[in-house]
Amino acid sequence: STAALLGAGVAALAFARRRLG
């Protein structure tokens, strides 16, 4: 579903932001 994809995208973005600093 779109909601699932959006949630996964947001989680990935948050993970990337934390990893970058």
PDB file of N, CA and C in Angstrom:
ATOM      1  N   SER A   1       0.839  -1.203   0.000  1.00  0.00           N
ATOM      2  CA  SER A   1       0.000   0.000   0.000  1.00  0.00           C
ATOM      3  C   SER A   1       0.872   1.251   0.000  1.00  0.00           C
ATOM      4  N   THR A   2       0.281   2.353  -0.362  1.00  0.00           N
ATOM      5  CA  THR A   2       1.037   3.608  -0.389  1.00  0.00           C
ATOM      6  C   THR A   2       1.524   3.987   1.005  1.00  0.00           C
ATOM      7  N   ALA A   3       0.665   3.792   2.004  1.00  0.00           N
ATOM      8  CA  ALA A   3       1.032   4.148   3.380  1.00  0.00           C
ATOM      9  C   ALA A   3       2.254   3.357   3.838  1.00  0.00           C
ATOM     10  N   ALA A   4       2.294   2.075   3.467  1.00  0.00           N
ATOM     11  CA  ALA A   4       3.430   1.232   3.870  1.00  0.00           C
ATOM     12  C   ALA A   4       4.713   1.724   3.210  1.00  0.00           C
ATOM     13  N   LEU A   5       4.617   2.046   1.927  1.00  0.00           N
ATOM     14  CA  LEU A   5       5.796   2.532   1.203  1.00  0.00           C
ATOM     15  C   LEU A   5       6.262   3.861   1.786  1.00  0.00           C
ATOM     16  N   LEU A   6       5.316   4.742   2.095  1.00  0.00           N
ATOM     17  CA  LEU A   6       5.656   6.047   2.652  1.00  0.00           C
ATOM     18  C   LEU A   6       6.330   5.879   4.003  1.00  0.00           C
ATOM     19  N   GLY A   7       5.771   4.983   4.832  1.00  0.00           N
ATOM     20  CA  GLY A   7       6.352   4.749   6.152  1.00  0.00           C
ATOM     21  C   GLY A   7       7.771   4.221   6.039  1.00  0.00           C
ATOM     22  N   ALA A   8       7.987   3.289   5.095  1.00  0.00           N
ATOM     23  CA  ALA A   8       9.321   2.722   4.905  1.00  0.00           C
ATOM     24  C   ALA A   8      10.285   3.815   4.435  1.00  0.00           C
ATOM     25  N   GLY A   9       9.811   4.679   3.561  1.00  0.00           N
ATOM     26  CA  GLY A   9      10.653   5.760   3.049  1.00  0.00           C
ATOM     27  C   GLY A   9      11.056   6.720   4.154  1.00  0.00           C
ATOM     28  N   VAL A  10      10.092   7.065   4.994  1.00  0.00           N
ATOM     29  CA  VAL A  10      10.373   7.986   6.102  1.00  0.00           C
ATOM     30  C   VAL A  10      11.361   7.358   7.075  1.00  0.00           C
ATOM     31  N   ALA A  11      11.183   6.056   7.342  1.00  0.00           N
ATOM     32  CA  ALA A  11      12.086   5.360   8.269  1.00  0.00           C
ATOM     33  C   ALA A  11      13.496   5.337   7.691  1.00  0.00           C
ATOM     34  N   ALA A  12      13.604   5.053   6.390  1.00  0.00           N
ATOM     35  CA  ALA A  12      14.915   5.005   5.742  1.00  0.00           C
ATOM     36  C   ALA A  12      15.566   6.387   5.774  1.00  0.00           C
ATOM     37  N   LEU A  13      14.773   7.424   5.548  1.00  0.00           N
ATOM     38  CA  LEU A  13      15.306   8.784   5.554  1.00  0.00           C
ATOM     39  C   LEU A  13      15.816   9.156   6.942  1.00  0.00           C
ATOM     40  N   ALA A  14      15.030   8.818   7.960  1.00  0.00           N
ATOM     41  CA  ALA A  14      15.439   9.118   9.338  1.00  0.00           C
ATOM     42  C   ALA A  14      16.729   8.375   9.677  1.00  0.00           C
ATOM     43  N   PHE A  15      16.822   7.100   9.234  1.00  0.00           N
ATOM     44  CA  PHE A  15      18.022   6.302   9.500  1.00  0.00           C
ATOM     45  C   PHE A  15      19.229   6.947   8.824  1.00  0.00           C
ATOM     46  N   ALA A  16      19.050   7.375   7.585  1.00  0.00           N
ATOM     47  CA  ALA A  16      20.149   7.988   6.845  1.00  0.00           C
ATOM     48  C   ALA A  16      20.595   9.282   7.518  1.00  0.00           C
ATOM     49  N   ARG A  17      19.621  10.083   7.966  1.00  0.00           N
ATOM     50  CA  ARG A  17      19.967  11.358   8.604  1.00  0.00           C
ATOM     51  C   ARG A  17      20.744  11.113   9.888  1.00  0.00           C
ATOM     52  N   ARG A  18      20.314  10.094  10.663  1.00  0.00           N
ATOM     53  CA  ARG A  18      21.033   9.794  11.905  1.00  0.00           C
ATOM     54  C   ARG A  18      22.439   9.293  11.606  1.00  0.00           C
ATOM     55  N   ARG A  19      22.556   8.452  10.567  1.00  0.00           N
ATOM     56  CA  ARG A  19      23.863   7.886  10.238  1.00  0.00           C
ATOM     57  C   ARG A  19      24.819   8.979   9.753  1.00  0.00           C
ATOM     58  N   LEU A  20      24.287   9.951   9.003  1.00  0.00           N
ATOM     59  CA  LEU A  20      25.139  11.013   8.473  1.00  0.00           C
ATOM     60  C   LEU A  20      25.538  11.993   9.566  1.00  0.00           C
ATOM     61  N   GLY A  21      24.696  12.102  10.625  1.00  0.00           N
ATOM     62  CA  GLY A  21      25.187  12.911  11.687  1.00  0.00           C
ATOM     63  C   GLY A  21      24.262  13.806  12.398  1.00  0.00           C
TER      64      GLY A  21
END
